[in-house]
């Protein structure tokens, strides 16, 4: 067997397999384990005759091949993932009784899937986009799924608007092209999107791989400690590799040369033993602080200022193992924010309320009603009252399928009940559209206090020229003017710079 060449680990997969097994794998079989007579020739009537219907081994392989793809995710379709562990480094039991945080040095196995939000499965990794950052914790209390992005907020705050937002990112149904007209029309009509729009057009809109970006839970959660005290929480994950971003022109070049650049970087890094890691922090807000907050703390289009709600260190997570098989371990890796463990609850954050339904529903569509029985999606013996359905793997040994019962079936968990908070629900049932609830103050802080002059100029250029995302210059004049008004409301200099850049681009185009 030839020695492995010194080259990137991803190229050595088949050589490693051959060295590992060091012998033939045995006779080829059908999916039912029956020996295959001949793999490279169909059963025909003579050397030039038709294929016979009884060529069952070919039919078996064709039938499976026809069904090898499952529906891709409607968002976050292109991604990569790996496995590792989370370890507690700081005590936060004063805030939560969640078992995953119960003791210093406690380790919990995790899986993480990174992704791009907008494009399809064949999307280039280096396109300007928000990146998904979803973590599955395999705890003794079952699965905890903490989903989020590489930005601490989102474009829209109400899940009723989510479908429209995703539609403007996707292809125009008539032209089948991504459409800057629909994109900028929608965003300029929803000023709440300004803060996130600015962030995605900054340098951080194109990270240099998944290892060099932060992650955020974004949504507001509720934490409950063992005394029943409830606080609100946001989760943050800061990369130990340092923030690195791609220049837009380099990103465009990489998209053509290596569209799987992020995926390759993650795989090769882990395979080489250069394990990427992140530090977890939380922000905490009491119920009293939430009531007195000048902004809506449950609004996912807003951040909690660190000066008012400082970061509290929690732990560290590290990725140490690549998937054994991408499809089995990553494509079938299914996240659902409704997978919560005692001590962690939702809040009145509208967006997480919508996610509690949407994520599980899309997994049932993609993977079937028993998606939680797929090994990568579970780690504990499930005891419930649901049976049957496609791809049932576990029958729970004939336990009763109803409750209450007299035959030793499962009962509600007292600890979980004790950690199930009682909370008031007050107000008239009205459809409140709070999209114009001060959409400018926090983006103004980003402009005035966070971005330096060079970052501002690059952001404006990215907005006008696109540089990996849809360009404002390609939208109609009235949409451009509306965008300038919104940017001016953030800061007069911002609006002026966008207007000047658009004018300069129009003059340049006219000279061509």
Protein backbone atom coordinates (compact mmCIF):
# COMPACT_ATOMS: atom_id res chain seq x y z
CA UNK A 1 0.00 0.00 0.00
CA UNK A 2 1.49 3.40 -0.95
CA UNK A 3 2.43 5.84 1.79
CA UNK A 4 0.12 8.80 2.26
CA UNK A 5 1.38 11.83 0.39
CA UNK A 6 1.94 15.04 2.30
CA UNK A 7 -1.09 16.98 1.16
CA UNK A 8 -4.32 18.27 2.64
CA UNK A 9 -6.08 15.61 4.77
CA UNK A 10 -9.33 15.71 2.79
CA UNK A 11 -7.53 14.31 -0.26
CA UNK A 12 -6.32 11.27 1.64
CA UNK A 13 -9.68 9.83 2.69
CA UNK A 14 -9.64 6.82 0.34
CA UNK A 15 -5.97 6.08 0.98
CA UNK A 16 -6.63 6.15 4.71
CA UNK A 17 -9.56 3.80 4.26
CA UNK A 18 -7.42 1.34 2.30
CA UNK A 19 -4.64 1.44 4.89
CA UNK A 20 -7.11 1.08 7.74
CA UNK A 21 -8.83 -1.99 6.32
CA UNK A 22 -5.73 -3.44 4.60
CA UNK A 23 -7.85 -6.14 2.95
CA UNK A 24 -10.78 -6.47 0.53
CA UNK A 25 -14.14 -5.69 2.11
CA UNK A 26 -15.75 -8.94 0.91
CA UNK A 27 -18.45 -9.86 -1.57
CA UNK A 28 -20.73 -7.14 -2.90
CA UNK A 29 -24.38 -7.45 -1.88
CA UNK A 30 -27.79 -5.92 -2.50
CA UNK A 31 -29.37 -3.68 0.13
CA UNK A 32 -30.85 -6.80 1.72
CA UNK A 33 -27.44 -8.46 1.96
CA UNK A 34 -27.84 -10.91 -0.93
CA UNK A 35 -24.69 -11.59 -2.99
CA UNK A 36 -24.40 -9.73 -6.32
CA UNK A 37 -23.54 -12.03 -9.23
CA UNK A 38 -22.08 -9.41 -11.59
CA UNK A 39 -21.64 -5.70 -10.80
CA UNK A 40 -20.56 -4.28 -14.15
CA UNK A 41 -23.03 -5.89 -16.54
CA UNK A 42 -26.82 -6.12 -16.63
CA UNK A 43 -28.73 -9.35 -17.25
CA UNK A 44 -29.72 -9.21 -20.93
CA UNK A 45 -31.29 -11.44 -23.55
CA UNK A 46 -28.10 -12.15 -25.47
CA UNK A 47 -25.09 -9.80 -25.88
CA UNK A 48 -27.21 -7.15 -27.66
CA UNK A 49 -30.61 -7.87 -26.20
CA UNK A 50 -32.88 -6.01 -23.80
CA UNK A 51 -32.35 -5.96 -20.03
CA UNK A 52 -34.54 -8.49 -18.26
CA UNK A 53 -36.96 -7.33 -15.58
CA UNK A 54 -35.60 -9.97 -13.21
CA UNK A 55 -32.26 -8.12 -13.06
CA UNK A 56 -33.13 -7.48 -9.39
CA UNK A 57 -29.67 -6.33 -8.26
CA UNK A 58 -29.68 -3.50 -10.83
CA UNK A 59 -33.26 -2.57 -9.92
CA UNK A 60 -32.29 -2.57 -6.24
CA UNK A 61 -29.43 -0.11 -6.84
CA UNK A 62 -31.43 2.09 -9.21
CA UNK A 63 -34.36 2.31 -6.80
CA UNK A 64 -32.05 3.43 -4.02
CA UNK A 65 -30.21 5.88 -6.28
CA UNK A 66 -33.50 7.51 -7.26
CA UNK A 67 -34.11 8.28 -3.58
CA UNK A 68 -30.62 9.22 -2.37
CA UNK A 69 -31.38 12.91 -2.06
CA UNK A 70 -33.75 14.34 0.51
CA UNK A 71 -35.25 17.85 0.25
CA UNK A 72 -32.56 20.40 1.03
CA UNK A 73 -33.19 22.84 3.83
CA UNK A 74 -35.27 25.79 2.64
CA UNK A 75 -32.69 28.01 4.36
CA UNK A 76 -29.19 27.06 5.56
CA UNK A 77 -28.95 24.49 2.76
CA UNK A 78 -25.16 24.66 2.27
CA UNK A 79 -23.14 23.86 5.35
CA UNK A 80 -20.52 21.84 7.16
CA UNK A 81 -20.25 20.37 10.61
CA UNK A 82 -18.22 18.43 13.14
CA UNK A 83 -18.32 16.93 16.63
CA UNK A 84 -16.63 17.74 19.89
CA UNK A 85 -17.35 18.70 23.47
CA UNK A 86 -18.47 21.59 25.66
CA UNK A 87 -16.82 22.08 29.06
CA UNK A 88 -18.00 24.34 31.89
CA UNK A 89 -15.31 26.78 33.07
CA UNK A 90 -17.38 29.16 35.21
CA UNK A 91 -20.22 28.62 37.66
CA UNK A 92 -23.58 29.99 36.46
CA UNK A 93 -25.82 27.82 38.67
CA UNK A 94 -27.11 31.02 40.29
CA UNK A 95 -28.89 31.61 36.98
CA UNK A 96 -29.86 28.14 35.76
CA UNK A 97 -30.32 24.61 37.04
CA UNK A 98 -29.72 23.19 33.54
CA UNK A 99 -27.71 19.99 33.89
CA UNK A 100 -25.27 20.98 31.14
CA UNK A 101 -23.98 23.81 33.41
CA UNK A 102 -24.21 21.96 36.75
CA UNK A 103 -20.50 21.73 37.67
CA UNK A 104 -17.12 23.19 36.78
CA UNK A 105 -15.23 20.96 34.29
CA UNK A 106 -18.40 19.11 33.32
CA UNK A 107 -18.15 17.89 29.73
CA UNK A 108 -21.01 17.41 27.29
CA UNK A 109 -20.72 15.99 23.79
CA UNK A 110 -21.82 18.36 21.04
CA UNK A 111 -22.34 18.59 17.30
CA UNK A 112 -22.14 21.89 15.42
CA UNK A 113 -23.39 22.71 11.95
CA UNK A 114 -22.26 25.92 10.25
CA UNK A 115 -24.05 27.14 7.14
CA UNK A 116 -24.86 29.94 4.74
CA UNK A 117 -28.41 31.28 5.05
CA UNK A 118 -29.54 32.20 1.58
CA UNK A 119 -28.25 29.91 -1.14
CA UNK A 120 -28.81 26.39 -2.31
CA UNK A 121 -26.73 23.27 -1.69
CA UNK A 122 -24.26 24.23 -4.44
CA UNK A 123 -23.77 27.77 -3.12
CA UNK A 124 -20.18 29.02 -2.94
CA UNK A 125 -18.96 29.24 0.65
CA UNK A 126 -17.34 32.66 0.21
CA UNK A 127 -20.47 34.57 -0.86
CA UNK A 128 -21.45 37.49 1.37
CA UNK A 129 -24.17 36.17 3.67
CA UNK A 130 -25.20 35.59 7.25
CA UNK A 131 -23.81 32.28 8.54
CA UNK A 132 -25.73 29.78 10.63
CA UNK A 133 -24.18 28.56 13.89
CA UNK A 134 -26.22 25.71 15.41
CA UNK A 135 -25.11 23.57 18.38
CA UNK A 136 -26.61 20.26 19.51
CA UNK A 137 -25.81 19.34 23.12
CA UNK A 138 -26.18 15.64 23.98
CA UNK A 139 -27.12 16.02 27.67
CA UNK A 140 -28.38 13.52 30.25
CA UNK A 141 -31.71 15.36 30.10
CA UNK A 142 -31.96 14.81 26.36
CA UNK A 143 -31.13 17.07 23.44
CA UNK A 144 -30.62 20.80 23.79
CA UNK A 145 -30.49 22.58 20.42
CA UNK A 146 -29.12 26.13 20.50
CA UNK A 147 -29.52 27.62 17.05
CA UNK A 148 -28.25 30.98 15.90
CA UNK A 149 -26.06 32.87 13.45
CA UNK A 150 -22.71 34.63 13.33
CA UNK A 151 -24.49 37.92 14.06
CA UNK A 152 -26.12 38.89 17.38
CA UNK A 153 -29.42 39.98 15.84
CA UNK A 154 -31.63 39.43 12.79
CA UNK A 155 -33.33 41.32 9.94
CA UNK A 156 -36.94 40.94 11.12
CA UNK A 157 -38.42 40.45 14.55
CA UNK A 158 -41.78 38.80 13.88
CA UNK A 159 -41.90 35.26 12.39
CA UNK A 160 -44.86 36.30 10.25
CA UNK A 161 -42.33 38.37 8.24
CA UNK A 162 -39.71 35.64 8.02
CA UNK A 163 -41.13 33.98 4.91
CA UNK A 164 -41.16 37.26 2.98
CA UNK A 165 -37.61 38.00 4.03
CA UNK A 166 -36.35 34.60 2.87
CA UNK A 167 -38.28 34.94 -0.39
CA UNK A 168 -36.43 38.16 -1.24
CA UNK A 169 -33.11 36.38 -0.63
CA UNK A 170 -34.09 33.52 -2.91
CA UNK A 171 -34.53 33.44 -6.67
CA UNK A 172 -37.22 35.45 -8.46
CA UNK A 173 -39.83 32.82 -9.43
CA UNK A 174 -40.11 34.24 -12.97
CA UNK A 175 -36.47 34.89 -13.86
CA UNK A 176 -34.98 32.26 -11.53
CA UNK A 177 -32.31 34.80 -10.62
CA UNK A 178 -31.49 36.49 -7.35
CA UNK A 179 -33.16 39.87 -7.56
CA UNK A 180 -31.73 43.08 -6.01
CA UNK A 181 -35.02 44.84 -6.78
CA UNK A 182 -37.07 42.62 -4.49
CA UNK A 183 -34.26 42.45 -1.93
CA UNK A 184 -33.83 46.20 -1.47
CA UNK A 185 -37.52 46.94 -1.88
CA UNK A 186 -38.36 44.75 1.08
CA UNK A 187 -35.48 45.81 3.33
CA UNK A 188 -36.12 49.52 2.81
CA UNK A 189 -39.79 48.99 3.67
CA UNK A 190 -38.85 47.29 6.96
CA UNK A 191 -36.49 49.72 8.77
CA UNK A 192 -36.03 47.18 11.59
CA UNK A 193 -33.66 45.38 9.17
CA UNK A 194 -31.16 48.28 9.11
CA UNK A 195 -28.85 47.06 11.86
CA UNK A 196 -28.45 43.55 10.48
CA UNK A 197 -28.17 44.88 6.91
CA UNK A 198 -25.28 47.11 7.95
CA UNK A 199 -23.49 44.22 9.66
CA UNK A 200 -23.77 41.85 6.70
CA UNK A 201 -22.27 44.53 4.40
CA UNK A 202 -19.34 45.19 6.74
CA UNK A 203 -16.08 43.24 6.58
CA UNK A 204 -17.66 40.53 8.75
CA UNK A 205 -20.15 39.73 5.99
CA UNK A 206 -17.52 37.40 4.45
CA UNK A 207 -15.64 35.55 7.20
CA UNK A 208 -12.45 33.69 6.30
CA UNK A 209 -13.99 30.30 7.02
CA UNK A 210 -16.23 29.05 9.79
CA UNK A 211 -13.37 28.87 12.30
CA UNK A 212 -12.82 32.63 12.22
CA UNK A 213 -16.28 33.91 13.14
CA UNK A 214 -18.26 34.39 16.35
CA UNK A 215 -21.61 32.74 16.98
CA UNK A 216 -24.71 33.98 18.78
CA UNK A 217 -27.92 32.47 20.07
CA UNK A 218 -29.55 35.79 19.05
CA UNK A 219 -32.94 34.92 20.57
CA UNK A 220 -33.80 35.76 24.16
CA UNK A 221 -34.16 32.70 26.41
CA UNK A 222 -35.37 32.25 29.97
CA UNK A 223 -33.12 30.63 32.58
CA UNK A 224 -34.49 29.14 35.80
CA UNK A 225 -32.37 28.23 38.82
CA UNK A 226 -33.16 25.59 41.44
CA UNK A 227 -34.88 28.21 43.62
CA UNK A 228 -37.30 28.98 40.82
CA UNK A 229 -35.83 32.42 40.06
CA UNK A 230 -36.17 33.33 36.38
CA UNK A 231 -33.86 35.60 34.40
CA UNK A 232 -33.60 36.30 30.69
CA UNK A 233 -30.50 35.37 28.74
CA UNK A 234 -28.62 35.72 25.46
CA UNK A 235 -25.84 33.31 24.39
CA UNK A 236 -22.55 34.36 22.73
CA UNK A 237 -19.74 32.21 21.31
CA UNK A 238 -16.40 33.93 20.65
CA UNK A 239 -13.85 32.27 18.39
CA UNK A 240 -10.43 31.44 19.85
CA UNK A 241 -8.95 31.56 16.35
CA UNK A 242 -9.60 35.29 16.07
CA UNK A 243 -11.89 37.12 13.69
CA UNK A 244 -10.63 36.98 10.09
CA UNK A 245 -12.52 38.19 7.03
CA UNK A 246 -12.05 37.90 3.28
CA UNK A 247 -11.54 40.86 1.00
CA UNK A 248 -14.52 40.91 -1.43
CA UNK A 249 -12.31 40.45 -4.48
CA UNK A 250 -10.53 37.49 -2.86
CA UNK A 251 -13.92 36.04 -1.95
CA UNK A 252 -15.08 36.29 -5.57
CA UNK A 253 -11.90 34.58 -6.75
CA UNK A 254 -12.24 31.82 -4.16
CA UNK A 255 -15.88 31.27 -5.14
CA UNK A 256 -14.68 30.34 -8.61
CA UNK A 257 -11.57 28.40 -7.62
CA UNK A 258 -12.83 26.58 -4.54
CA UNK A 259 -16.56 26.99 -3.81
CA UNK A 260 -16.17 24.60 -0.85
CA UNK A 261 -13.41 26.70 0.77
CA UNK A 262 -15.07 26.95 4.22
CA UNK A 263 -15.96 23.24 4.27
CA UNK A 264 -12.45 22.22 3.23
CA UNK A 265 -10.84 24.51 5.83
CA UNK A 266 -12.93 23.08 8.67
CA UNK A 267 -12.35 19.45 7.68
CA UNK A 268 -8.62 19.81 7.13
CA UNK A 269 -8.13 21.78 10.34
CA UNK A 270 -9.74 19.07 12.47
CA UNK A 271 -8.07 16.25 10.53
CA UNK A 272 -4.68 17.86 11.20
CA UNK A 273 -5.39 18.11 14.93
CA UNK A 274 -5.79 21.89 14.83
CA UNK A 275 -9.09 21.78 16.71
CA UNK A 276 -11.15 24.99 16.48
CA UNK A 277 -12.65 26.27 19.71
CA UNK A 278 -14.95 28.98 21.01
CA UNK A 279 -15.65 30.49 24.44
CA UNK A 280 -19.28 30.73 25.57
CA UNK A 281 -20.64 33.77 27.38
CA UNK A 282 -24.11 34.81 28.47
CA UNK A 283 -25.81 38.12 29.09
CA UNK A 284 -28.42 38.16 31.84
CA UNK A 285 -31.38 40.47 32.41
CA UNK A 286 -33.71 40.28 35.40
CA UNK A 287 -37.47 40.44 34.98
CA UNK A 288 -37.45 43.88 36.62
CA UNK A 289 -34.79 45.12 34.20
CA UNK A 290 -36.82 43.78 31.28
CA UNK A 291 -39.90 45.69 32.43
CA UNK A 292 -37.89 48.90 32.78
CA UNK A 293 -35.79 48.52 29.62
CA UNK A 294 -36.03 51.47 27.19
CA UNK A 295 -35.99 48.97 24.30
CA UNK A 296 -37.82 45.67 23.86
CA UNK A 297 -35.41 43.02 25.20
CA UNK A 298 -37.35 40.33 23.33
CA UNK A 299 -36.81 42.02 19.96
CA UNK A 300 -34.37 39.90 17.93
CA UNK A 301 -33.53 42.88 15.71
CA UNK A 302 -31.87 44.57 18.70
CA UNK A 303 -28.83 43.78 20.84
CA UNK A 304 -28.39 44.11 24.59
CA UNK A 305 -25.61 46.68 25.16
CA UNK A 306 -22.61 45.03 26.82
CA UNK A 307 -22.07 48.06 29.05
CA UNK A 308 -25.50 47.53 30.62
CA UNK A 309 -25.56 43.72 30.47
CA UNK A 310 -21.94 42.55 30.65
CA UNK A 311 -20.72 39.26 29.24
CA UNK A 312 -20.52 36.46 31.82
CA UNK A 313 -18.07 33.63 30.99
CA UNK A 314 -19.59 30.15 30.97
CA UNK A 315 -17.42 27.60 29.19
CA UNK A 316 -15.58 26.49 26.12
CA UNK A 317 -16.37 24.17 23.24
CA UNK A 318 -13.99 22.50 20.84
CA UNK A 319 -14.48 20.49 17.66
CA UNK A 320 -12.29 17.38 17.62
CA UNK A 321 -13.89 14.93 15.17
CA UNK A 322 -15.00 15.16 11.56
CA UNK A 323 -18.16 13.32 10.50
CA UNK A 324 -17.80 9.66 9.56
CA UNK A 325 -20.22 10.26 6.69
CA UNK A 326 -21.46 13.70 5.68
CA UNK A 327 -24.99 12.65 4.78
CA UNK A 328 -25.60 10.51 7.86
CA UNK A 329 -23.96 12.87 10.35
CA UNK A 330 -24.45 16.40 8.96
CA UNK A 331 -27.18 16.42 6.32
CA UNK A 332 -29.41 14.44 8.69
CA UNK A 333 -28.34 16.52 11.69
CA UNK A 334 -31.66 18.14 12.64
CA UNK A 335 -32.01 21.15 14.95
CA UNK A 336 -35.13 22.31 16.77
CA UNK A 337 -35.20 25.17 19.33
CA UNK A 338 -38.12 23.34 20.99
CA UNK A 339 -35.54 20.79 22.18
CA UNK A 340 -34.94 22.40 25.58
CA UNK A 341 -33.73 20.91 28.85
CA UNK A 342 -34.99 21.77 32.36
CA UNK A 343 -33.57 25.10 33.44
CA UNK A 344 -33.72 26.63 29.94
CA UNK A 345 -37.02 27.92 28.56
CA UNK A 346 -38.27 30.19 25.76
CA UNK A 347 -39.22 33.79 26.39
CA UNK A 348 -41.80 36.08 24.81
CA UNK A 349 -39.29 36.76 22.01
CA UNK A 350 -41.56 36.53 18.98
CA UNK A 351 -38.91 34.98 16.80
CA UNK A 352 -38.15 32.05 19.05
CA UNK A 353 -41.87 31.51 19.46
CA UNK A 354 -42.09 31.01 15.70
CA UNK A 355 -38.97 28.85 15.67
CA UNK A 356 -40.48 26.49 18.25
CA UNK A 357 -42.83 25.27 15.51
CA UNK A 358 -40.96 25.91 12.27
CA UNK A 359 -37.75 23.97 12.88
CA UNK A 360 -39.36 20.71 13.95
CA UNK A 361 -41.91 20.98 11.18
CA UNK A 362 -39.27 21.38 8.47
CA UNK A 363 -37.36 18.38 9.83
CA UNK A 364 -40.51 16.26 9.72
CA UNK A 365 -40.86 17.29 6.08
CA UNK A 366 -37.20 16.62 5.21
CA UNK A 367 -36.46 13.54 7.27
CA UNK A 368 -39.82 12.10 8.33
CA UNK A 369 -41.86 12.03 11.50
CA UNK A 370 -39.23 9.93 13.29
CA UNK A 371 -36.27 12.20 12.56
CA UNK A 372 -35.41 12.22 16.26
CA UNK A 373 -34.72 8.47 16.05
CA UNK A 374 -31.84 9.02 13.61
CA UNK A 375 -28.74 8.27 15.71
CA UNK A 376 -27.05 11.65 15.20
CA UNK A 377 -30.16 13.39 16.57
CA UNK A 378 -30.45 11.59 19.89
CA UNK A 379 -28.41 10.17 22.72
CA UNK A 380 -30.92 8.91 25.30
CA UNK A 381 -33.64 6.30 25.43
CA UNK A 382 -36.89 8.05 24.55
CA UNK A 383 -39.99 7.20 26.58
CA UNK A 384 -43.10 8.73 25.05
CA UNK A 385 -46.50 7.88 23.61
CA UNK A 386 -45.76 8.22 19.89
CA UNK A 387 -45.31 5.12 17.74
CA UNK A 388 -45.11 4.02 14.11
CA UNK A 389 -44.63 6.28 11.11
CA UNK A 390 -41.95 6.08 8.44
CA UNK A 391 -38.53 4.80 9.48
CA UNK A 392 -39.49 3.77 13.00
CA UNK A 393 -36.35 2.39 14.65
CA UNK A 394 -37.51 1.89 18.25
CA UNK A 395 -40.78 0.39 19.50
CA UNK A 396 -40.00 1.04 23.20
CA UNK A 397 -40.35 -2.67 23.96
CA UNK A 398 -44.14 -2.68 23.95
CA UNK A 399 -44.58 0.02 26.62
CA UNK A 400 -48.11 1.49 26.88
CA UNK A 401 -48.92 3.97 24.13
CA UNK A 402 -51.39 5.94 26.29
CA UNK A 403 -51.47 7.90 29.55
CA UNK A 404 -52.59 7.38 32.26
CA UNK A 405 -52.14 3.62 32.35
CA UNK A 406 -51.86 0.78 34.87
CA UNK A 407 -48.85 -1.00 33.35
CA UNK A 408 -45.76 0.94 34.34
CA UNK A 409 -45.65 3.43 31.48
CA UNK A 410 -43.55 6.62 31.74
CA UNK A 411 -44.67 9.46 34.00
CA UNK A 412 -43.94 13.22 33.97
CA UNK A 413 -40.59 14.17 35.46
CA UNK A 414 -40.84 15.91 38.88
CA UNK A 415 -37.60 17.85 38.36
CA UNK A 416 -38.73 19.13 34.99
CA UNK A 417 -42.06 20.13 36.52
CA UNK A 418 -40.30 22.02 39.31
CA UNK A 419 -38.23 23.88 36.71
CA UNK A 420 -41.23 24.75 34.54
CA UNK A 421 -41.75 28.46 35.26
CA UNK A 422 -45.04 30.12 35.99
CA UNK A 423 -45.27 33.37 34.06
CA UNK A 424 -48.00 35.99 33.57
CA UNK A 425 -49.59 36.61 30.19
CA UNK A 426 -51.15 40.07 30.04
CA UNK A 427 -52.53 42.14 27.19
CA UNK A 428 -55.22 42.36 24.57
CA UNK A 429 -54.98 40.01 21.60
CA UNK A 430 -54.01 42.40 18.78
CA UNK A 431 -51.60 42.07 15.86
CA UNK A 432 -48.97 44.61 16.90
CA UNK A 433 -46.56 45.50 14.10
CA UNK A 434 -43.61 46.93 15.98
CA UNK A 435 -41.26 47.05 12.99
CA UNK A 436 -40.85 50.82 13.42
CA UNK A 437 -40.06 50.61 17.14
CA UNK A 438 -36.93 52.83 17.09
CA UNK A 439 -35.04 51.06 14.27
CA UNK A 440 -32.30 53.72 14.10
CA UNK A 441 -30.70 54.16 17.55
CA UNK A 442 -28.72 50.93 17.68
CA UNK A 443 -27.54 51.13 14.04
CA UNK A 444 -26.42 54.67 14.86
CA UNK A 445 -24.21 53.32 17.67
CA UNK A 446 -22.68 50.88 15.19
CA UNK A 447 -21.93 53.75 12.80
CA UNK A 448 -20.65 56.26 15.38
CA UNK A 449 -18.84 54.11 17.97
CA UNK A 450 -17.93 50.79 16.38
CA UNK A 451 -16.91 51.28 12.74
CA UNK A 452 -13.78 53.26 11.91
CA UNK A 453 -13.63 55.42 8.79
CA UNK A 454 -12.16 52.70 6.61
CA UNK A 455 -14.82 50.20 7.72
CA UNK A 456 -17.55 52.74 6.97
CA UNK A 457 -16.21 53.37 3.48
CA UNK A 458 -15.94 49.65 2.73
CA UNK A 459 -19.46 49.03 4.02
CA UNK A 460 -20.86 51.79 1.81
CA UNK A 461 -18.99 50.40 -1.20
CA UNK A 462 -20.29 46.92 -0.47
CA UNK A 463 -23.87 48.20 -0.22
CA UNK A 464 -23.69 50.13 -3.48
CA UNK A 465 -21.63 47.65 -5.53
CA UNK A 466 -22.82 44.44 -3.93
CA UNK A 467 -19.38 42.83 -3.49
CA UNK A 468 -20.83 39.37 -2.96
CA UNK A 469 -24.44 40.28 -2.17
CA UNK A 470 -27.12 42.16 -4.07
CA UNK A 471 -26.09 45.70 -5.05
CA UNK A 472 -28.18 48.76 -4.28
CA UNK A 473 -27.06 50.25 -7.62
CA UNK A 474 -29.16 47.58 -9.38
CA UNK A 475 -32.39 48.61 -7.66
CA UNK A 476 -34.81 51.21 -9.07
CA UNK A 477 -34.24 54.90 -8.34
CA UNK A 478 -37.20 55.16 -5.95
CA UNK A 479 -35.90 52.20 -3.93
CA UNK A 480 -32.41 53.74 -3.84
CA UNK A 481 -33.90 57.01 -2.60
CA UNK A 482 -35.82 55.19 0.13
CA UNK A 483 -32.62 53.43 1.19
CA UNK A 484 -30.79 56.79 1.35
CA UNK A 485 -33.54 58.17 3.61
CA UNK A 486 -33.23 55.18 5.94
CA UNK A 487 -29.43 55.43 6.03
CA UNK A 488 -29.68 59.18 6.67
CA UNK A 489 -31.97 58.46 9.63
CA UNK A 490 -29.17 56.32 11.03
CA UNK A 491 -26.66 59.14 10.47
CA UNK A 492 -26.51 62.01 7.93
CA UNK A 493 -22.98 61.02 6.91
CA UNK A 494 -24.12 57.48 6.17
CA UNK A 495 -26.88 58.66 3.84
CA UNK A 496 -24.58 61.16 2.16
CA UNK A 497 -21.85 58.61 1.53
CA UNK A 498 -24.30 56.13 -0.01
CA UNK A 499 -25.81 58.88 -2.20
CA UNK A 500 -22.38 60.06 -3.34
CA UNK A 501 -21.25 56.52 -4.09
CA UNK A 502 -24.39 55.85 -6.11
CA UNK A 503 -23.91 59.09 -8.05
CA UNK A 504 -20.27 58.29 -8.78
CA UNK A 505 -21.23 54.83 -9.95
CA UNK A 506 -23.95 56.26 -12.22
CA UNK A 507 -21.43 58.69 -13.79
CA UNK A 508 -18.92 55.87 -14.26
CA UNK A 509 -21.52 53.71 -15.95
CA UNK A 510 -22.58 56.58 -18.22
CA UNK A 511 -18.99 56.98 -19.42
CA UNK A 512 -18.73 53.35 -20.51
